[in-house]
């Protein structure tokens, strides 16, 4: 009797697992979309297109990068939250994904319930940069200038509620200065107004500023991340000038709709990590100063939950709200 019961249990188990395995083996069965919550043309967007090419080559299916910028990345994220849970649509999430739950009182989705993590791609470095005409070369000089000109210095970011916005607000609070925020729909658009000097200061990730820093069109005065950037070893962190400054790290991750079969999620993880190991993907990491991680779905999920908590504390302390 026990043998019979074991046989029945095994048959039922295999019957429930087999369809999921078949689905994973045949995935994808149609074109795949990578939703980019930023405008086209940024280094983040370029990386996503390199990733899309390698996934397309490996799957034999078209992989499209679809730009859905706006509302602090919530427009793009909401696309995923309402997509079918089959893995054919996923999001290139950035740091704002972990910030929004505490920054916005009305969210069209639940960050911790409506998404399934594919992988934590890597960590980025935030920077505070100025137009060459701004007479400062350090964080200390910037603070002194801001105190001489209260309310007159503007800083641009890729949007209200982004990591760069919160990082700059944390600087404002720690230094007790009055600077004005000018939000744009993506860092690439913010850069367009900073380069000619229409807005004198830019808070962004190094990946977006690096080409202009190298050409002398922007000058980085501090790294807003917890540690110095490898490509800017002589540029201090904000914390080195303001010990009471606190901020989380910036990151890239891939997430899809919650409810995707575990076998499909596992295949997405393996295939995206394989694509990110290619020479041209690693080249983009080097260009962008991205510290590659490439975690499992479980590790990525734990990381994102941690980021929601960490950034939540920073947002609360800053008093920032976007509604």
Protein backbone atom coordinates (compact mmCIF):
# COMPACT_ATOMS: atom_id res chain seq x y z
CA UNK A 1 0.00 0.00 0.00
CA UNK A 2 2.83 2.39 0.91
CA UNK A 3 4.50 1.67 -2.43
CA UNK A 4 1.26 2.41 -4.22
CA UNK A 5 0.83 5.71 -2.34
CA UNK A 6 4.40 6.73 -3.14
CA UNK A 7 3.80 5.94 -6.79
CA UNK A 8 0.62 8.00 -6.85
CA UNK A 9 2.36 10.92 -5.07
CA UNK A 10 5.28 10.77 -7.51
CA UNK A 11 2.92 10.72 -10.47
CA UNK A 12 1.00 13.72 -9.17
CA UNK A 13 4.23 15.59 -8.45
CA UNK A 14 5.63 14.91 -11.89
CA UNK A 15 2.31 15.83 -13.42
CA UNK A 16 2.43 19.25 -11.76
CA UNK A 17 6.13 19.89 -12.39
CA UNK A 18 6.37 18.65 -15.97
CA UNK A 19 4.28 21.44 -17.58
CA UNK A 20 6.39 24.08 -15.81
CA UNK A 21 9.60 22.46 -17.02
CA UNK A 22 8.28 22.27 -20.57
CA UNK A 23 7.26 25.94 -20.38
CA UNK A 24 10.76 26.90 -19.25
CA UNK A 25 12.44 24.82 -21.95
CA UNK A 26 10.33 26.43 -24.68
CA UNK A 27 10.59 29.99 -23.28
CA UNK A 28 10.30 32.44 -24.92
CA UNK A 29 7.46 31.57 -27.28
CA UNK A 30 6.98 35.16 -28.53
CA UNK A 31 8.89 38.46 -28.69
CA UNK A 32 10.19 39.74 -25.35
CA UNK A 33 10.09 43.32 -24.09
CA UNK A 34 12.58 44.93 -21.72
CA UNK A 35 10.88 48.02 -20.31
CA UNK A 36 13.31 50.88 -19.70
CA UNK A 37 11.86 53.49 -17.30
CA UNK A 38 14.22 56.13 -18.72
CA UNK A 39 14.43 57.99 -22.05
CA UNK A 40 16.54 56.57 -24.86
CA UNK A 41 20.19 57.48 -25.32
CA UNK A 42 21.45 57.07 -21.77
CA UNK A 43 24.24 54.64 -20.86
CA UNK A 44 21.64 52.61 -18.96
CA UNK A 45 19.58 52.40 -22.15
CA UNK A 46 22.64 51.43 -24.20
CA UNK A 47 23.46 48.61 -21.79
CA UNK A 48 19.88 47.30 -22.00
CA UNK A 49 20.16 47.19 -25.79
CA UNK A 50 23.42 45.24 -25.61
CA UNK A 51 21.70 42.80 -23.24
CA UNK A 52 18.68 42.59 -25.54
CA UNK A 53 20.86 41.70 -28.53
CA UNK A 54 22.53 38.79 -26.74
CA UNK A 55 19.25 37.48 -25.37
CA UNK A 56 17.70 37.70 -28.83
CA UNK A 57 20.62 35.79 -30.35
CA UNK A 58 20.38 33.09 -27.69
CA UNK A 59 16.61 32.71 -27.77
CA UNK A 60 15.98 33.12 -31.48
CA UNK A 61 13.25 35.60 -30.58
CA UNK A 62 13.06 39.34 -30.96
CA UNK A 63 13.90 41.23 -27.74
CA UNK A 64 12.78 44.86 -27.77
CA UNK A 65 13.83 47.66 -25.42
CA UNK A 66 10.76 49.80 -24.80
CA UNK A 67 11.33 53.23 -23.23
CA UNK A 68 8.62 54.22 -20.74
CA UNK A 69 10.06 57.21 -18.81
CA UNK A 70 8.30 59.45 -16.31
CA UNK A 71 6.85 59.72 -12.79
CA UNK A 72 10.08 58.65 -11.11
CA UNK A 73 10.11 55.34 -13.09
CA UNK A 74 6.63 54.34 -11.85
CA UNK A 75 5.14 54.51 -15.37
CA UNK A 76 7.57 51.86 -16.63
CA UNK A 77 7.25 49.78 -13.47
CA UNK A 78 3.45 49.82 -13.66
CA UNK A 79 3.70 48.28 -17.13
CA UNK A 80 5.35 45.24 -15.57
CA UNK A 81 3.01 45.09 -12.58
CA UNK A 82 0.06 44.73 -14.97
CA UNK A 83 1.73 42.40 -17.51
CA UNK A 84 0.87 38.70 -17.84
CA UNK A 85 3.01 36.60 -15.41
CA UNK A 86 4.79 34.69 -18.16
CA UNK A 87 8.23 36.35 -18.16
CA UNK A 88 7.92 37.86 -21.65
CA UNK A 89 7.98 41.41 -20.24
CA UNK A 90 10.49 42.55 -17.64
CA UNK A 91 11.88 45.79 -16.25
CA UNK A 92 15.36 47.24 -16.09
CA UNK A 93 14.85 48.61 -12.57
CA UNK A 94 17.00 51.39 -11.17
CA UNK A 95 17.40 52.74 -7.65
CA UNK A 96 14.11 54.66 -7.77
CA UNK A 97 12.36 51.28 -7.74
CA UNK A 98 13.46 50.89 -4.11
CA UNK A 99 12.80 54.52 -3.19
CA UNK A 100 9.28 55.03 -4.52
CA UNK A 101 7.36 53.02 -1.87
CA UNK A 102 8.38 55.47 0.85
CA UNK A 103 8.40 58.59 -1.33
CA UNK A 104 4.93 58.33 -2.87
CA UNK A 105 1.74 57.95 -0.85
CA UNK A 106 -0.24 56.76 -3.90
CA UNK A 107 1.41 53.95 -5.85
CA UNK A 108 -0.29 52.06 -8.71
CA UNK A 109 1.38 48.82 -7.56
CA UNK A 110 2.97 47.15 -4.54
CA UNK A 111 6.75 47.04 -4.97
CA UNK A 112 7.19 44.09 -2.59
CA UNK A 113 4.26 41.99 -3.86
CA UNK A 114 3.77 42.67 -7.56
CA UNK A 115 7.27 41.88 -8.86
CA UNK A 116 9.55 38.87 -9.05
CA UNK A 117 13.31 39.45 -9.10
CA UNK A 118 15.36 38.06 -11.98
CA UNK A 119 18.79 39.33 -10.94
CA UNK A 120 20.62 42.20 -9.25
CA UNK A 121 22.75 43.38 -12.18
CA UNK A 122 25.16 45.59 -10.28
CA UNK A 123 25.90 48.73 -8.26
CA UNK A 124 26.56 52.23 -9.58
CA UNK A 125 28.20 55.39 -8.26
CA UNK A 126 26.36 58.66 -7.78
CA UNK A 127 28.11 62.00 -8.32
CA UNK A 128 27.56 65.71 -7.83
CA UNK A 129 28.92 67.56 -10.87
CA UNK A 130 29.05 71.22 -11.85
CA UNK A 131 29.37 73.22 -15.07
CA UNK A 132 32.98 74.43 -15.54
CA UNK A 133 31.81 78.03 -15.03
CA UNK A 134 30.82 77.28 -11.41
CA UNK A 135 33.75 78.47 -9.22
CA UNK A 136 34.00 75.40 -6.99
CA UNK A 137 36.26 72.35 -7.08
CA UNK A 138 35.28 70.60 -3.86
CA UNK A 139 32.31 69.85 -1.66
CA UNK A 140 33.57 72.34 0.91
CA UNK A 141 33.70 75.13 -1.69
CA UNK A 142 30.25 74.19 -3.01
CA UNK A 143 28.72 74.43 0.47
CA UNK A 144 30.38 77.82 1.02
CA UNK A 145 29.01 79.12 -2.30
CA UNK A 146 25.51 77.84 -1.52
CA UNK A 147 25.58 79.62 1.84
CA UNK A 148 26.60 82.88 0.14
CA UNK A 149 23.78 82.50 -2.40
CA UNK A 150 20.86 80.91 -0.52
CA UNK A 151 18.08 79.67 -2.80
CA UNK A 152 19.92 80.79 -5.95
CA UNK A 153 21.77 77.59 -6.89
CA UNK A 154 19.76 75.04 -8.85
CA UNK A 155 20.58 71.38 -9.31
CA UNK A 156 19.21 69.12 -12.02
CA UNK A 157 18.31 65.43 -11.70
CA UNK A 158 16.64 62.79 -13.82
CA UNK A 159 13.40 63.19 -11.89
CA UNK A 160 11.72 63.82 -8.58
CA UNK A 161 12.16 60.89 -6.24
CA UNK A 162 15.17 59.40 -8.01
CA UNK A 163 18.20 58.31 -6.02
CA UNK A 164 20.04 61.40 -7.26
CA UNK A 165 17.25 63.68 -6.01
CA UNK A 166 17.25 62.06 -2.57
CA UNK A 167 21.07 62.13 -2.44
CA UNK A 168 21.10 65.86 -3.20
CA UNK A 169 18.38 66.48 -0.62
CA UNK A 170 20.48 64.57 1.90
CA UNK A 171 23.38 66.92 1.08
CA UNK A 172 21.10 69.94 1.53
CA UNK A 173 20.04 68.71 4.97
CA UNK A 174 23.50 67.64 6.13
CA UNK A 175 25.14 70.90 5.01
CA UNK A 176 22.20 73.11 6.05
CA UNK A 177 22.12 74.86 2.66
CA UNK A 178 19.27 76.12 0.47
CA UNK A 179 19.50 74.76 -3.08
CA UNK A 180 16.64 74.32 -5.58
CA UNK A 181 15.71 71.10 -7.37
CA UNK A 182 14.98 71.05 -11.13
CA UNK A 183 13.63 67.60 -12.14
CA UNK A 184 13.73 66.16 -15.66
CA UNK A 185 12.35 63.00 -17.25
CA UNK A 186 15.68 61.18 -17.17
CA UNK A 187 19.32 62.09 -16.55
CA UNK A 188 20.09 62.39 -20.26
CA UNK A 189 17.58 65.26 -20.50
CA UNK A 190 18.96 66.89 -17.33
CA UNK A 191 22.46 66.80 -18.81
CA UNK A 192 21.26 68.76 -21.87
CA UNK A 193 20.47 71.77 -19.67
CA UNK A 194 23.58 71.49 -17.51
CA UNK A 195 26.09 71.26 -20.39
CA UNK A 196 25.33 74.81 -21.67
CA UNK A 197 25.12 76.09 -18.07
CA UNK A 198 21.38 76.79 -17.96
CA UNK A 199 21.36 74.77 -14.73
CA UNK A 200 24.75 74.88 -12.96
CA UNK A 201 24.71 71.63 -10.96
CA UNK A 202 23.89 68.01 -11.80
CA UNK A 203 23.19 65.15 -9.40
CA UNK A 204 23.35 61.91 -11.36
CA UNK A 205 25.02 58.52 -11.60
CA UNK A 206 28.56 58.50 -12.94
CA UNK A 207 27.48 56.28 -15.81
CA UNK A 208 25.52 59.23 -17.28
CA UNK A 209 28.11 61.92 -16.54
CA UNK A 210 31.38 60.16 -17.35
CA UNK A 211 31.68 61.10 -21.08
CA UNK A 212 31.20 64.79 -20.20
CA UNK A 213 33.58 64.58 -17.25
CA UNK A 214 36.28 63.07 -19.47
CA UNK A 215 35.78 65.79 -22.11
CA UNK A 216 35.93 68.56 -19.51
CA UNK A 217 32.31 69.66 -19.99
CA UNK A 218 31.44 68.73 -16.40
CA UNK A 219 33.50 68.71 -13.20
CA UNK A 220 32.73 66.17 -10.47
CA UNK A 221 33.17 67.62 -6.98
CA UNK A 222 32.05 64.63 -4.93
CA UNK A 223 30.82 61.04 -5.08
CA UNK A 224 27.39 60.72 -3.46
CA UNK A 225 27.74 56.96 -3.00
CA UNK A 226 29.21 55.36 0.15
CA UNK A 227 32.62 54.86 -1.47
CA UNK A 228 34.84 56.48 -4.11
CA UNK A 229 34.36 55.50 -7.74
CA UNK A 230 37.18 53.39 -9.29
CA UNK A 231 37.53 55.75 -12.27
CA UNK A 232 37.63 58.83 -9.99
CA UNK A 233 39.94 57.71 -7.18
CA UNK A 234 40.93 61.28 -6.31
CA UNK A 235 37.36 62.54 -5.95
CA UNK A 236 36.22 62.30 -2.30
CA UNK A 237 32.81 61.07 -1.19
CA UNK A 238 30.34 63.55 0.27
CA UNK A 239 30.71 61.79 3.63
CA UNK A 240 34.39 62.73 3.75
CA UNK A 241 33.28 66.37 3.98
CA UNK A 242 29.93 65.85 5.73
CA UNK A 243 30.19 62.95 8.22
CA UNK A 244 26.46 63.26 9.02
CA UNK A 245 25.50 62.62 5.36
CA UNK A 246 23.80 59.26 4.83
CA UNK A 247 22.57 57.68 1.60
CA UNK A 248 22.02 54.22 0.14
CA UNK A 249 23.68 52.76 -2.94
CA UNK A 250 22.54 53.03 -6.56
CA UNK A 251 21.78 49.86 -8.48
CA UNK A 252 20.51 48.15 -11.61
CA UNK A 253 18.26 45.08 -11.40
CA UNK A 254 15.91 43.08 -13.60
CA UNK A 255 12.41 42.34 -12.33
CA UNK A 256 9.32 40.81 -13.89
CA UNK A 257 5.70 40.27 -12.89
CA UNK A 258 5.08 38.26 -9.73
CA UNK A 259 3.67 34.82 -10.41
CA UNK A 260 6.08 33.86 -13.20
CA UNK A 261 6.69 30.08 -12.95
CA UNK A 262 9.83 29.31 -10.95
CA UNK A 263 11.35 27.36 -13.84
CA UNK A 264 10.88 30.31 -16.21
CA UNK A 265 12.34 32.69 -13.63
CA UNK A 266 15.35 30.40 -13.24
CA UNK A 267 15.86 30.33 -17.01
CA UNK A 268 15.60 34.12 -17.20
CA UNK A 269 18.22 34.39 -14.48
CA UNK A 270 20.62 31.96 -16.15
CA UNK A 271 20.20 33.45 -19.62
CA UNK A 272 20.55 37.08 -18.55
CA UNK A 273 23.63 36.29 -16.47
CA UNK A 274 25.11 34.48 -19.47
CA UNK A 275 24.39 37.52 -21.66
CA UNK A 276 26.01 39.82 -19.08
CA UNK A 277 29.17 37.70 -19.15
CA UNK A 278 29.82 38.50 -22.84
CA UNK A 279 32.80 40.77 -23.66
CA UNK A 280 30.73 43.69 -24.93
CA UNK A 281 28.40 43.60 -21.90
CA UNK A 282 31.44 43.60 -19.59
CA UNK A 283 32.82 46.49 -21.63
CA UNK A 284 29.66 48.49 -20.88
CA UNK A 285 30.10 47.69 -17.16
CA UNK A 286 33.64 49.06 -17.30
CA UNK A 287 32.59 52.19 -19.19
CA UNK A 288 29.78 52.80 -16.70
CA UNK A 289 31.79 52.03 -13.55
CA UNK A 290 29.21 49.39 -12.67
CA UNK A 291 30.21 46.91 -9.99
CA UNK A 292 28.80 43.66 -11.44
CA UNK A 293 26.80 41.40 -9.10
CA UNK A 294 24.67 38.97 -11.14
CA UNK A 295 22.75 37.41 -8.23
CA UNK A 296 20.17 34.64 -8.03
CA UNK A 297 16.44 35.54 -7.93
CA UNK A 298 16.35 34.82 -4.19
CA UNK A 299 19.40 36.99 -3.48
CA UNK A 300 18.01 39.76 -5.67
CA UNK A 301 14.65 39.66 -3.87
CA UNK A 302 16.37 39.96 -0.49
CA UNK A 303 18.51 42.84 -1.80
CA UNK A 304 15.52 44.80 -3.10
CA UNK A 305 13.62 44.35 0.16
CA UNK A 306 16.66 45.67 1.98
CA UNK A 307 16.88 48.67 -0.37
CA UNK A 308 13.22 49.56 0.22
CA UNK A 309 13.97 49.62 3.95
CA UNK A 310 17.28 51.52 3.68
CA UNK A 311 16.00 54.19 1.30
CA UNK A 312 12.78 54.45 3.29
CA UNK A 313 14.76 55.58 6.34
CA UNK A 314 16.66 58.14 4.23
CA UNK A 315 13.46 59.50 2.63
CA UNK A 316 11.82 59.80 6.05
CA UNK A 317 14.80 61.72 7.43
CA UNK A 318 14.86 64.05 4.41
CA UNK A 319 11.14 64.76 4.58
CA UNK A 320 10.92 64.42 0.78
CA UNK A 321 7.52 63.57 -0.71
CA UNK A 322 6.28 63.27 -4.29
CA UNK A 323 2.50 63.09 -4.80
